[in-house]
Amino acid sequence: MASSSRRRNIVVIAGEAEFHLQGAPSQTLQSGQSAFHPSGAAHALTSHAHPVMAYVVWRDDFDVAPVWSER
């Protein structure tokens, strides 16, 4: 999982993937669906058997590097 001080919006353009957000149930998103990750929340993506193309918009705190973990 990763976390950063940036907020991010994710829109699935094609395919599908399972989005994980610390403290929330995992969500499988398909083409046209979106998710929001608040700042500081650990998050991850699992693509399973289908590839995914997603458009991700990061906002805020571009001078702070993301933090990776082994969770």
C-alpha atoms as a PDB file:
ATOM      1  CA  MET A   1       0.000   0.000   0.000  1.00  0.00           C
ATOM      2  CA  ALA A   2       1.025   3.611  -0.453  1.00  0.00           C
ATOM      3  CA  SER A   3      -0.003   6.859   1.139  1.00  0.00           C
ATOM      4  CA  SER A   4       0.730  10.511   0.508  1.00  0.00           C
ATOM      5  CA  SER A   5      -0.456  13.916   1.593  1.00  0.00           C
ATOM      6  CA  ARG A   6      -2.128  14.381  -1.816  1.00  0.00           C
ATOM      7  CA  ARG A   7      -5.813  13.839  -2.473  1.00  0.00           C
ATOM      8  CA  ARG A   8      -6.567  11.900  -5.647  1.00  0.00           C
ATOM      9  CA  ASN A   9      -9.509  11.251  -7.913  1.00  0.00           C
ATOM     10  CA  ILE A  10      -9.436   8.084 -10.022  1.00  0.00           C
ATOM     11  CA  VAL A  11     -11.595   7.455 -13.097  1.00  0.00           C
ATOM     12  CA  VAL A  12     -11.466   4.049 -14.800  1.00  0.00           C
ATOM     13  CA  ILE A  13     -11.226   4.608 -18.573  1.00  0.00           C
ATOM     14  CA  ALA A  14     -11.184   0.932 -19.617  1.00  0.00           C
ATOM     15  CA  GLY A  15     -11.122  -2.486 -17.956  1.00  0.00           C
ATOM     16  CA  GLU A  16     -11.659  -2.971 -14.245  1.00  0.00           C
ATOM     17  CA  ALA A  17      -9.686  -3.065 -11.011  1.00  0.00           C
ATOM     18  CA  GLU A  18     -10.193  -3.476  -7.298  1.00  0.00           C
ATOM     19  CA  PHE A  19      -9.361  -0.325  -5.351  1.00  0.00           C
ATOM     20  CA  HIS A  20      -8.355  -0.632  -1.707  1.00  0.00           C
ATOM     21  CA  LEU A  21      -8.558   2.236   0.767  1.00  0.00           C
ATOM     22  CA  GLN A  22      -7.528   1.897   4.399  1.00  0.00           C
ATOM     23  CA  GLY A  23     -10.583   1.801   6.655  1.00  0.00           C
ATOM     24  CA  ALA A  24     -13.066   1.163   3.812  1.00  0.00           C
ATOM     25  CA  PRO A  25     -14.266  -1.959   1.992  1.00  0.00           C
ATOM     26  CA  SER A  26     -12.515  -2.675  -1.319  1.00  0.00           C
ATOM     27  CA  GLN A  27     -14.374  -1.502  -4.431  1.00  0.00           C
ATOM     28  CA  THR A  28     -14.257  -3.027  -7.904  1.00  0.00           C
ATOM     29  CA  LEU A  29     -14.549  -0.236 -10.455  1.00  0.00           C
ATOM     30  CA  GLN A  30     -15.294  -0.674 -14.133  1.00  0.00           C
ATOM     31  CA  SER A  31     -15.088   1.670 -17.114  1.00  0.00           C
ATOM     32  CA  GLY A  32     -16.760   5.007 -16.341  1.00  0.00           C
ATOM     33  CA  GLN A  33     -16.728   4.577 -12.555  1.00  0.00           C
ATOM     34  CA  SER A  34     -14.633   6.650 -10.164  1.00  0.00           C
ATOM     35  CA  ALA A  35     -13.203   6.731  -6.647  1.00  0.00           C
ATOM     36  CA  PHE A  36     -11.731   9.359  -4.339  1.00  0.00           C
ATOM     37  CA  HIS A  37      -8.772   8.795  -2.006  1.00  0.00           C
ATOM     38  CA  PRO A  38      -8.376  11.405   0.735  1.00  0.00           C
ATOM     39  CA  SER A  39      -4.943  12.659   1.728  1.00  0.00           C
ATOM     40  CA  GLY A  40      -2.953  10.479   4.140  1.00  0.00           C
ATOM     41  CA  ALA A  41      -5.012   7.322   3.501  1.00  0.00           C
ATOM     42  CA  ALA A  42      -3.158   4.121   2.611  1.00  0.00           C
ATOM     43  CA  HIS A  43      -4.374   2.795  -0.743  1.00  0.00           C
ATOM     44  CA  ALA A  44      -3.640   0.136  -3.369  1.00  0.00           C
ATOM     45  CA  LEU A  45      -4.979  -1.273  -6.650  1.00  0.00           C
ATOM     46  CA  THR A  46      -5.367  -4.903  -7.767  1.00  0.00           C
ATOM     47  CA  SER A  47      -6.091  -5.582 -11.440  1.00  0.00           C
ATOM     48  CA  HIS A  48      -6.764  -9.381 -11.195  1.00  0.00           C
ATOM     49  CA  ALA A  49      -7.471 -10.977 -14.609  1.00  0.00           C
ATOM     50  CA  HIS A  50      -8.436  -7.757 -16.409  1.00  0.00           C
ATOM     51  CA  PRO A  51      -6.085  -4.912 -17.330  1.00  0.00           C
ATOM     52  CA  VAL A  52      -7.106  -1.412 -16.321  1.00  0.00           C
ATOM     53  CA  MET A  53      -6.527   2.067 -17.734  1.00  0.00           C
ATOM     54  CA  ALA A  54      -7.251   4.801 -15.228  1.00  0.00           C
ATOM     55  CA  TYR A  55      -7.004   8.569 -15.236  1.00  0.00           C
ATOM     56  CA  VAL A  56      -5.660   9.784 -11.879  1.00  0.00           C
ATOM     57  CA  VAL A  57      -5.643  13.403 -10.743  1.00  0.00           C
ATOM     58  CA  TRP A  58      -3.423  14.237  -7.752  1.00  0.00           C
ATOM     59  CA  ARG A  59      -4.030  17.458  -5.857  1.00  0.00           C
ATOM     60  CA  ASP A  60      -2.092  19.313  -3.140  1.00  0.00           C
ATOM     61  CA  ASP A  61       1.381  18.934  -1.579  1.00  0.00           C
ATOM     62  CA  PHE A  62       3.479  18.156  -4.670  1.00  0.00           C
ATOM     63  CA  ASP A  63       6.642  18.902  -2.699  1.00  0.00           C
ATOM     64  CA  VAL A  64       6.073  15.881  -0.377  1.00  0.00           C
ATOM     65  CA  ALA A  65       7.084  12.392  -1.609  1.00  0.00           C
ATOM     66  CA  PRO A  66       4.657   9.411  -1.306  1.00  0.00           C
ATOM     67  CA  VAL A  67       5.341   6.803   1.410  1.00  0.00           C
ATOM     68  CA  TRP A  68       5.406   3.086   0.485  1.00  0.00           C
ATOM     69  CA  SER A  69       4.630   0.340   3.006  1.00  0.00           C
ATOM     70  CA  GLU A  70       4.495  -3.463   3.052  1.00  0.00           C
ATOM     71  CA  ARG A  71       0.939  -3.673   4.449  1.00  0.00           C
END
